[in-house]
PDB file of N, CA and C in Angstrom:
ATOM      1  N   MET A   1       9.840   4.455 -32.298  1.00  0.00           N
ATOM      2  CA  MET A   1      10.392   4.897 -31.038  1.00  0.00           C
ATOM      3  C   MET A   1      10.246   6.414 -30.957  1.00  0.00           C
ATOM      4  N   HIS A   2       9.864   6.885 -29.784  1.00  0.00           N
ATOM      5  CA  HIS A   2       9.656   8.326 -29.608  1.00  0.00           C
ATOM      6  C   HIS A   2      10.939   8.976 -29.127  1.00  0.00           C
ATOM      7  N   GLU A   3      11.178  10.131 -29.645  1.00  0.00           N
ATOM      8  CA  GLU A   3      12.327  10.900 -29.186  1.00  0.00           C
ATOM      9  C   GLU A   3      11.822  12.171 -28.520  1.00  0.00           C
ATOM     10  N   ALA A   4      12.487  12.586 -27.473  1.00  0.00           N
ATOM     11  CA  ALA A   4      12.109  13.800 -26.777  1.00  0.00           C
ATOM     12  C   ALA A   4      12.664  14.993 -27.524  1.00  0.00           C
ATOM     13  N   SER A   5      11.775  15.904 -27.840  1.00  0.00           N
ATOM     14  CA  SER A   5      12.239  17.105 -28.520  1.00  0.00           C
ATOM     15  C   SER A   5      12.732  18.107 -27.485  1.00  0.00           C
ATOM     16  N   PHE A   6      13.473  19.069 -27.964  1.00  0.00           N
ATOM     17  CA  PHE A   6      14.031  20.082 -27.071  1.00  0.00           C
ATOM     18  C   PHE A   6      12.910  20.869 -26.393  1.00  0.00           C
ATOM     19  N   GLU A   7      11.829  21.135 -27.123  1.00  0.00           N
ATOM     20  CA  GLU A   7      10.714  21.912 -26.566  1.00  0.00           C
ATOM     21  C   GLU A   7      10.023  21.156 -25.438  1.00  0.00           C
ATOM     22  N   SER A   8       9.821  19.853 -25.600  1.00  0.00           N
ATOM     23  CA  SER A   8       9.139  19.088 -24.551  1.00  0.00           C
ATOM     24  C   SER A   8      10.011  18.971 -23.302  1.00  0.00           C
ATOM     25  N   VAL A   9      11.313  18.829 -23.492  1.00  0.00           N
ATOM     26  CA  VAL A   9      12.221  18.775 -22.342  1.00  0.00           C
ATOM     27  C   VAL A   9      12.227  20.119 -21.631  1.00  0.00           C
ATOM     28  N   LEU A  10      12.255  21.200 -22.394  1.00  0.00           N
ATOM     29  CA  LEU A  10      12.248  22.538 -21.806  1.00  0.00           C
ATOM     30  C   LEU A  10      10.943  22.792 -21.063  1.00  0.00           C
ATOM     31  N   LYS A  11       9.810  22.372 -21.634  1.00  0.00           N
ATOM     32  CA  LYS A  11       8.518  22.536 -20.960  1.00  0.00           C
ATOM     33  C   LYS A  11       8.490  21.757 -19.647  1.00  0.00           C
ATOM     34  N   THR A  12       9.019  20.540 -19.673  1.00  0.00           N
ATOM     35  CA  THR A  12       9.037  19.714 -18.457  1.00  0.00           C
ATOM     36  C   THR A  12       9.879  20.364 -17.370  1.00  0.00           C
ATOM     37  N   ILE A  13      11.038  20.871 -17.736  1.00  0.00           N
ATOM     38  CA  ILE A  13      11.912  21.533 -16.754  1.00  0.00           C
ATOM     39  C   ILE A  13      11.243  22.786 -16.210  1.00  0.00           C
ATOM     40  N   LEU A  14      10.600  23.565 -17.068  1.00  0.00           N
ATOM     41  CA  LEU A  14       9.915  24.780 -16.604  1.00  0.00           C
ATOM     42  C   LEU A  14       8.745  24.455 -15.688  1.00  0.00           C
ATOM     43  N   ILE A  15       8.006  23.392 -15.987  1.00  0.00           N
ATOM     44  CA  ILE A  15       6.892  23.002 -15.113  1.00  0.00           C
ATOM     45  C   ILE A  15       7.413  22.574 -13.746  1.00  0.00           C
ATOM     46  N   ILE A  16       8.494  21.823 -13.725  1.00  0.00           N
ATOM     47  CA  ILE A  16       9.074  21.389 -12.450  1.00  0.00           C
ATOM     48  C   ILE A  16       9.551  22.592 -11.643  1.00  0.00           C
ATOM     49  N   LEU A  17      10.211  23.541 -12.292  1.00  0.00           N
ATOM     50  CA  LEU A  17      10.670  24.748 -11.595  1.00  0.00           C
ATOM     51  C   LEU A  17       9.498  25.588 -11.106  1.00  0.00           C
ATOM     52  N   LEU A  18       8.445  25.698 -11.922  1.00  0.00           N
ATOM     53  CA  LEU A  18       7.264  26.453 -11.519  1.00  0.00           C
ATOM     54  C   LEU A  18       6.618  25.835 -10.285  1.00  0.00           C
ATOM     55  N   ILE A  19       6.490  24.518 -10.262  1.00  0.00           N
ATOM     56  CA  ILE A  19       5.910  23.848  -9.097  1.00  0.00           C
ATOM     57  C   ILE A  19       6.797  24.043  -7.868  1.00  0.00           C
ATOM     58  N   TYR A  20       8.107  23.923  -8.044  1.00  0.00           N
ATOM     59  CA  TYR A  20       9.039  24.070  -6.920  1.00  0.00           C
ATOM     60  C   TYR A  20       8.967  25.471  -6.315  1.00  0.00           C
ATOM     61  N   PHE A  21       9.085  26.492  -7.165  1.00  0.00           N
ATOM     62  CA  PHE A  21       9.055  27.853  -6.636  1.00  0.00           C
ATOM     63  C   PHE A  21       7.668  28.246  -6.148  1.00  0.00           C
ATOM     64  N   GLY A  22       6.635  27.718  -6.785  1.00  0.00           N
ATOM     65  CA  GLY A  22       5.281  27.977  -6.297  1.00  0.00           C
ATOM     66  C   GLY A  22       5.072  27.387  -4.912  1.00  0.00           C
ATOM     67  N   PHE A  23       5.589  26.191  -4.685  1.00  0.00           N
ATOM     68  CA  PHE A  23       5.482  25.563  -3.368  1.00  0.00           C
ATOM     69  C   PHE A  23       6.267  26.355  -2.325  1.00  0.00           C
ATOM     70  N   LYS A  24       7.462  26.830  -2.710  1.00  0.00           N
ATOM     71  CA  LYS A  24       8.256  27.634  -1.771  1.00  0.00           C
ATOM     72  C   LYS A  24       7.521  28.908  -1.372  1.00  0.00           C
ATOM     73  N   ILE A  25       6.917  29.593  -2.339  1.00  0.00           N
ATOM     74  CA  ILE A  25       6.192  30.829  -2.046  1.00  0.00           C
ATOM     75  C   ILE A  25       4.956  30.533  -1.199  1.00  0.00           C
ATOM     76  N   PHE A  26       4.256  29.440  -1.529  1.00  0.00           N
ATOM     77  CA  PHE A  26       3.072  29.067  -0.757  1.00  0.00           C
ATOM     78  C   PHE A  26       3.431  28.810   0.701  1.00  0.00           C
ATOM     79  N   ILE A  27       4.506  28.060   0.930  1.00  0.00           N
ATOM     80  CA  ILE A  27       4.925  27.764   2.308  1.00  0.00           C
ATOM     81  C   ILE A  27       5.389  29.040   3.007  1.00  0.00           C
ATOM     82  N   LYS A  28       6.045  29.922   2.284  1.00  0.00           N
ATOM     83  CA  LYS A  28       6.532  31.165   2.896  1.00  0.00           C
ATOM     84  C   LYS A  28       5.367  32.038   3.344  1.00  0.00           C
ATOM     85  N   TRP A  29       4.305  32.117   2.537  1.00  0.00           N
ATOM     86  CA  TRP A  29       3.164  32.965   2.882  1.00  0.00           C
ATOM     87  C   TRP A  29       2.207  32.287   3.853  1.00  0.00           C
ATOM     88  N   PHE A  30       1.895  31.026   3.610  1.00  0.00           N
ATOM     89  CA  PHE A  30       0.848  30.366   4.386  1.00  0.00           C
ATOM     90  C   PHE A  30       1.383  29.394   5.436  1.00  0.00           C
ATOM     91  N   GLY A  31       2.671  29.164   5.476  1.00  0.00           N
ATOM     92  CA  GLY A  31       3.253  28.258   6.463  1.00  0.00           C
ATOM     93  C   GLY A  31       2.991  28.687   7.894  1.00  0.00           C
ATOM     94  N   PRO A  32       3.243  29.969   8.232  1.00  0.00           N
ATOM     95  CA  PRO A  32       2.965  30.387   9.617  1.00  0.00           C
ATOM     96  C   PRO A  32       1.494  30.252   9.998  1.00  0.00           C
ATOM     97  N   LEU A  33       0.590  30.519   9.058  1.00  0.00           N
ATOM     98  CA  LEU A  33      -0.835  30.382   9.371  1.00  0.00           C
ATOM     99  C   LEU A  33      -1.212  28.923   9.616  1.00  0.00           C
ATOM    100  N   ILE A  34      -0.681  28.042   8.799  1.00  0.00           N
ATOM    101  CA  ILE A  34      -0.942  26.614   8.975  1.00  0.00           C
ATOM    102  C   ILE A  34      -0.363  26.128  10.298  1.00  0.00           C
ATOM    103  N   LEU A  35       0.836  26.590  10.631  1.00  0.00           N
ATOM    104  CA  LEU A  35       1.473  26.201  11.888  1.00  0.00           C
ATOM    105  C   LEU A  35       0.678  26.703  13.095  1.00  0.00           C
ATOM    106  N   LYS A  36       0.188  27.959  13.046  1.00  0.00           N
ATOM    107  CA  LYS A  36      -0.623  28.490  14.145  1.00  0.00           C
ATOM    108  C   LYS A  36      -1.894  27.677  14.331  1.00  0.00           C
ATOM    109  N   TRP A  37      -2.550  27.346  13.202  1.00  0.00           N
ATOM    110  CA  TRP A  37      -3.786  26.563  13.282  1.00  0.00           C
ATOM    111  C   TRP A  37      -3.521  25.194  13.885  1.00  0.00           C
ATOM    112  N   PHE A  38      -2.428  24.555  13.446  1.00  0.00           N
ATOM    113  CA  PHE A  38      -2.088  23.226  13.934  1.00  0.00           C
ATOM    114  C   PHE A  38      -1.774  23.253  15.430  1.00  0.00           C
ATOM    115  N   LEU A  39      -0.977  24.231  15.876  1.00  0.00           N
ATOM    116  CA  LEU A  39      -0.628  24.322  17.294  1.00  0.00           C
ATOM    117  C   LEU A  39      -1.834  24.675  18.149  1.00  0.00           C
ATOM    118  N   LYS A  40      -2.725  25.512  17.633  1.00  0.00           N
ATOM    119  CA  LYS A  40      -3.935  25.851  18.381  1.00  0.00           C
ATOM    120  C   LYS A  40      -4.805  24.618  18.568  1.00  0.00           C
ATOM    121  N   ARG A  41      -4.901  23.815  17.530  1.00  0.00           N
ATOM    122  CA  ARG A  41      -5.707  22.597  17.604  1.00  0.00           C
ATOM    123  C   ARG A  41      -5.120  21.605  18.608  1.00  0.00           C
ATOM    124  N   ILE A  42      -3.808  21.440  18.606  1.00  0.00           N
ATOM    125  CA  ILE A  42      -3.162  20.551  19.575  1.00  0.00           C
ATOM    126  C   ILE A  42      -3.347  21.093  20.989  1.00  0.00           C
ATOM    127  N   GLY A  43      -3.240  22.411  21.161  1.00  0.00           N
ATOM    128  CA  GLY A  43      -3.451  23.016  22.479  1.00  0.00           C
ATOM    129  C   GLY A  43      -4.859  22.795  22.980  1.00  0.00           C
ATOM    130  N   GLN A  44      -5.842  22.886  22.086  1.00  0.00           N
ATOM    131  CA  GLN A  44      -7.227  22.646  22.500  1.00  0.00           C
ATOM    132  C   GLN A  44      -7.428  21.201  22.941  1.00  0.00           C
ATOM    133  N   LYS A  45      -6.834  20.266  22.224  1.00  0.00           N
ATOM    134  CA  LYS A  45      -6.961  18.855  22.617  1.00  0.00           C
ATOM    135  C   LYS A  45      -6.303  18.605  23.966  1.00  0.00           C
ATOM    136  N   PHE A  46      -5.129  19.218  24.170  1.00  0.00           N
ATOM    137  CA  PHE A  46      -4.449  19.059  25.451  1.00  0.00           C
ATOM    138  C   PHE A  46      -5.278  19.661  26.574  1.00  0.00           C
ATOM    139  N   GLN A  47      -5.828  20.848  26.348  1.00  0.00           N
ATOM    140  CA  GLN A  47      -6.647  21.507  27.366  1.00  0.00           C
ATOM    141  C   GLN A  47      -7.891  20.683  27.659  1.00  0.00           C
ATOM    142  N   GLN A  48      -8.477  20.084  26.637  1.00  0.00           N
ATOM    143  CA  GLN A  48      -9.668  19.269  26.830  1.00  0.00           C
ATOM    144  C   GLN A  48      -9.348  18.025  27.661  1.00  0.00           C
ATOM    145  N   GLN A  49      -8.209  17.387  27.396  1.00  0.00           N
ATOM    146  CA  GLN A  49      -7.819  16.213  28.177  1.00  0.00           C
ATOM    147  C   GLN A  49      -7.465  16.596  29.603  1.00  0.00           C
ATOM    148  N   PHE A  50      -6.870  17.766  29.779  1.00  0.00           N
ATOM    149  CA  PHE A  50      -6.471  18.194  31.115  1.00  0.00           C
ATOM    150  C   PHE A  50      -7.687  18.520  31.972  1.00  0.00           C
ATOM    151  N   ASN A  51      -8.701  19.107  31.370  1.00  0.00           N
ATOM    152  CA  ASN A  51      -9.880  19.529  32.121  1.00  0.00           C
ATOM    153  C   ASN A  51     -10.988  18.487  32.159  1.00  0.00           C
ATOM    154  N   SER A  52     -10.811  17.332  31.538  1.00  0.00           N
ATOM    155  CA  SER A  52     -11.875  16.331  31.527  1.00  0.00           C
ATOM    156  C   SER A  52     -12.056  15.761  32.930  1.00  0.00           C
ATOM    157  N   PRO A  53     -13.324  15.527  33.344  1.00  0.00           N
ATOM    158  CA  PRO A  53     -13.566  15.027  34.699  1.00  0.00           C
ATOM    159  C   PRO A  53     -13.113  13.579  34.884  1.00  0.00           C
ATOM    160  N   ASN A  54     -13.152  12.764  33.849  1.00  0.00           N
ATOM    161  CA  ASN A  54     -12.745  11.372  33.950  1.00  0.00           C
ATOM    162  C   ASN A  54     -11.450  11.177  33.181  1.00  0.00           C
ATOM    163  N   PRO A  55     -10.357  10.966  33.880  1.00  0.00           N
ATOM    164  CA  PRO A  55      -9.112  10.693  33.150  1.00  0.00           C
ATOM    165  C   PRO A  55      -9.257   9.433  32.309  1.00  0.00           C
ATOM    166  N   PRO A  56      -8.609   9.373  31.151  1.00  0.00           N
ATOM    167  CA  PRO A  56      -8.820   8.230  30.250  1.00  0.00           C
ATOM    168  C   PRO A  56      -8.275   6.903  30.753  1.00  0.00           C
ATOM    169  N   ASN A  57      -7.330   6.886  31.695  1.00  0.00           N
ATOM    170  CA  ASN A  57      -6.697   5.642  32.134  1.00  0.00           C
ATOM    171  C   ASN A  57      -7.218   5.137  33.477  1.00  0.00           C
ATOM    172  N   THR A  58      -8.418   5.554  33.890  1.00  0.00           N
ATOM    173  CA  THR A  58      -8.955   5.071  35.161  1.00  0.00           C
ATOM    174  C   THR A  58      -9.625   3.724  34.948  1.00  0.00           C
ATOM    175  N   SER A  59      -9.469   2.837  35.922  1.00  0.00           N
ATOM    176  CA  SER A  59     -10.097   1.520  35.824  1.00  0.00           C
ATOM    177  C   SER A  59     -11.503   1.609  36.393  1.00  0.00           C
ATOM    178  N   LYS A  60     -12.407   0.842  35.814  1.00  0.00           N
ATOM    179  CA  LYS A  60     -13.795   0.858  36.254  1.00  0.00           C
ATOM    180  C   LYS A  60     -13.952  -0.018  37.489  1.00  0.00           C
ATOM    181  N   LYS A  61     -15.010   0.219  38.230  1.00  0.00           N
ATOM    182  CA  LYS A  61     -15.262  -0.513  39.459  1.00  0.00           C
ATOM    183  C   LYS A  61     -15.561  -1.970  39.135  1.00  0.00           C
ATOM    184  N   GLY A  62     -14.916  -2.869  39.850  1.00  0.00           N
ATOM    185  CA  GLY A  62     -15.138  -4.281  39.655  1.00  0.00           C
ATOM    186  C   GLY A  62     -14.168  -4.936  38.682  1.00  0.00           C
ATOM    187  N   LYS A  63     -13.300  -4.162  38.069  1.00  0.00           N
ATOM    188  CA  LYS A  63     -12.320  -4.735  37.147  1.00  0.00           C
ATOM    189  C   LYS A  63     -10.957  -4.760  37.816  1.00  0.00           C
ATOM    190  N   ALA A  64     -10.261  -5.851  37.611  1.00  0.00           N
ATOM    191  CA  ALA A  64      -8.920  -5.986  38.160  1.00  0.00           C
ATOM    192  C   ALA A  64      -7.920  -5.763  37.043  1.00  0.00           C
ATOM    193  N   GLU A  65      -6.869  -5.035  37.350  1.00  0.00           N
ATOM    194  CA  GLU A  65      -5.837  -4.757  36.357  1.00  0.00           C
ATOM    195  C   GLU A  65      -4.479  -5.063  36.963  1.00  0.00           C
ATOM    196  N   ILE A  66      -3.693  -5.851  36.266  1.00  0.00           N
ATOM    197  CA  ILE A  66      -2.364  -6.221  36.741  1.00  0.00           C
ATOM    198  C   ILE A  66      -1.346  -5.531  35.860  1.00  0.00           C
ATOM    199  N   ASN A  67      -0.491  -4.742  36.474  1.00  0.00           N
ATOM    200  CA  ASN A  67       0.505  -3.970  35.736  1.00  0.00           C
ATOM    201  C   ASN A  67       1.914  -4.400  36.104  1.00  0.00           C
ATOM    202  N   SER A  68       2.202  -5.670  35.992  1.00  0.00           N
ATOM    203  CA  SER A  68       3.550  -6.128  36.297  1.00  0.00           C
ATOM    204  C   SER A  68       4.122  -6.830  35.079  1.00  0.00           C
ATOM    205  N   ASP A  69       5.424  -6.805  34.993  1.00  0.00           N
ATOM    206  CA  ASP A  69       6.098  -7.476  33.890  1.00  0.00           C
ATOM    207  C   ASP A  69       6.101  -8.981  34.144  1.00  0.00           C
ATOM    208  N   PRO A  70       5.949  -9.773  33.096  1.00  0.00           N
ATOM    209  CA  PRO A  70       6.017 -11.221  33.294  1.00  0.00           C
ATOM    210  C   PRO A  70       7.435 -11.633  33.687  1.00  0.00           C
ATOM    211  N   LEU A  71       7.506 -12.713  34.442  1.00  0.00           N
ATOM    212  CA  LEU A  71       8.812 -13.182  34.880  1.00  0.00           C
ATOM    213  C   LEU A  71       9.609 -13.675  33.681  1.00  0.00           C
ATOM    214  N   LYS A  72      10.862 -13.324  33.677  1.00  0.00           N
ATOM    215  CA  LYS A  72      11.733 -13.742  32.590  1.00  0.00           C
ATOM    216  C   LYS A  72      12.566 -14.921  33.065  1.00  0.00           C
ATOM    217  N   SER A  73      12.716 -15.895  32.195  1.00  0.00           N
ATOM    218  CA  SER A  73      13.571 -17.011  32.556  1.00  0.00           C
ATOM    219  C   SER A  73      15.009 -16.556  32.380  1.00  0.00           C
ATOM    220  N   SER A  74      15.721 -16.548  33.468  1.00  0.00           N
ATOM    221  CA  SER A  74      17.083 -16.010  33.427  1.00  0.00           C
ATOM    222  C   SER A  74      18.086 -17.161  33.466  1.00  0.00           C
ATOM    223  N   LYS A  75      18.171 -17.888  32.384  1.00  0.00           N
ATOM    224  CA  LYS A  75      19.170 -18.946  32.277  1.00  0.00           C
ATOM    225  C   LYS A  75      20.392 -18.327  31.628  1.00  0.00           C
ATOM    226  N   SER A  76      21.462 -18.269  32.373  1.00  0.00           N
ATOM    227  CA  SER A  76      22.672 -17.679  31.808  1.00  0.00           C
ATOM    228  C   SER A  76      23.511 -18.782  31.177  1.00  0.00           C
ATOM    229  N   ASN A  77      24.133 -18.447  30.125  1.00  0.00           N
ATOM    230  CA  ASN A  77      24.983 -19.394  29.414  1.00  0.00           C
ATOM    231  C   ASN A  77      26.394 -19.273  29.974  1.00  0.00           C
ATOM    232  N   ASN A  78      26.825 -20.290  30.711  1.00  0.00           N
ATOM    233  CA  ASN A  78      28.147 -20.251  31.330  1.00  0.00           C
ATOM    234  C   ASN A  78      29.249 -20.646  30.363  1.00  0.00           C
ATOM    235  N   LYS A  79      28.904 -21.067  29.189  1.00  0.00           N
ATOM    236  CA  LYS A  79      29.900 -21.441  28.200  1.00  0.00           C
ATOM    237  C   LYS A  79      30.365 -20.183  27.466  1.00  0.00           C
ATOM    238  N   VAL A  80      31.295 -19.503  28.083  1.00  0.00           N
ATOM    239  CA  VAL A  80      31.764 -18.246  27.516  1.00  0.00           C
ATOM    240  C   VAL A  80      32.880 -18.508  26.522  1.00  0.00           C
ATOM    241  N   GLY A  81      33.657 -19.480  26.756  1.00  0.00           N
ATOM    242  CA  GLY A  81      34.766 -19.779  25.873  1.00  0.00           C
ATOM    243  C   GLY A  81      36.063 -19.852  26.665  1.00  0.00           C
ATOM    244  N   GLU A  82      37.098 -20.199  25.972  1.00  0.00           N
ATOM    245  CA  GLU A  82      38.391 -20.354  26.613  1.00  0.00           C
ATOM    246  C   GLU A  82      39.143 -19.023  26.574  1.00  0.00           C
ATOM    247  N   TYR A  83      39.788 -18.700  27.702  1.00  0.00           N
ATOM    248  CA  TYR A  83      40.558 -17.465  27.770  1.00  0.00           C
ATOM    249  C   TYR A  83      41.951 -17.716  27.197  1.00  0.00           C
ATOM    250  N   ILE A  84      42.350 -16.891  26.250  1.00  0.00           N
ATOM    251  CA  ILE A  84      43.661 -17.024  25.640  1.00  0.00           C
ATOM    252  C   ILE A  84      44.459 -15.769  25.967  1.00  0.00           C
ATOM    253  N   ASP A  85      45.601 -15.980  26.574  1.00  0.00           N
ATOM    254  CA  ASP A  85      46.487 -14.865  26.927  1.00  0.00           C
ATOM    255  C   ASP A  85      47.560 -14.761  25.850  1.00  0.00           C
ATOM    256  N   PHE A  86      47.472 -13.703  25.075  1.00  0.00           N
ATOM    257  CA  PHE A  86      48.437 -13.498  24.016  1.00  0.00           C
ATOM    258  C   PHE A  86      49.657 -12.770  24.584  1.00  0.00           C
ATOM    259  N   GLU A  87      50.817 -13.226  24.204  1.00  0.00           N
ATOM    260  CA  GLU A  87      52.048 -12.571  24.651  1.00  0.00           C
ATOM    261  C   GLU A  87      52.625 -11.783  23.491  1.00  0.00           C
ATOM    262  N   GLU A  88      53.271 -10.692  23.865  1.00  0.00           N
ATOM    263  CA  GLU A  88      53.880  -9.851  22.822  1.00  0.00           C
ATOM    264  C   GLU A  88      55.173 -10.480  22.323  1.00  0.00           C
ATOM    265  N   ILE A  89      55.360 -10.450  21.048  1.00  0.00           N
ATOM    266  CA  ILE A  89      56.583 -10.965  20.421  1.00  0.00           C
ATOM    267  C   ILE A  89      57.389  -9.777  19.925  1.00  0.00           C
ATOM    268  N   GLU A  90      58.646  -9.723  20.347  1.00  0.00           N
ATOM    269  CA  GLU A  90      59.481  -8.594  19.940  1.00  0.00           C
ATOM    270  C   GLU A  90      60.363  -8.930  18.781  1.00  0.00           C
TER     271      GLU A  90
END
C-alpha cells in the first residue's frame, strides 16, 4: 500500500495554488482583450445579418407555410371534489 509523503502532498498543494493564481493573473491581463475580441465578433455577425439582402426567415416562392398552433382538446375535468366547510371549534 502506498502512503503519501509530506513532500508529495506539499508539491500537489503548491501545483494547485500555482495553477489557480496563474489563471487569475492570466484572466486579469488577457480577460479584457478576449472580451473585446468576442464582442467584436458578435457585433460583426449581427451587422452582417442586419445588412444581408435576403433575411433568413423569408419563404420561397411556391411554398406554403402555416404558422398556427394546433387545436388543443379542451376537455375539462368537472370532478373537482366535494366541498367541505370546516367550522371553528372553541
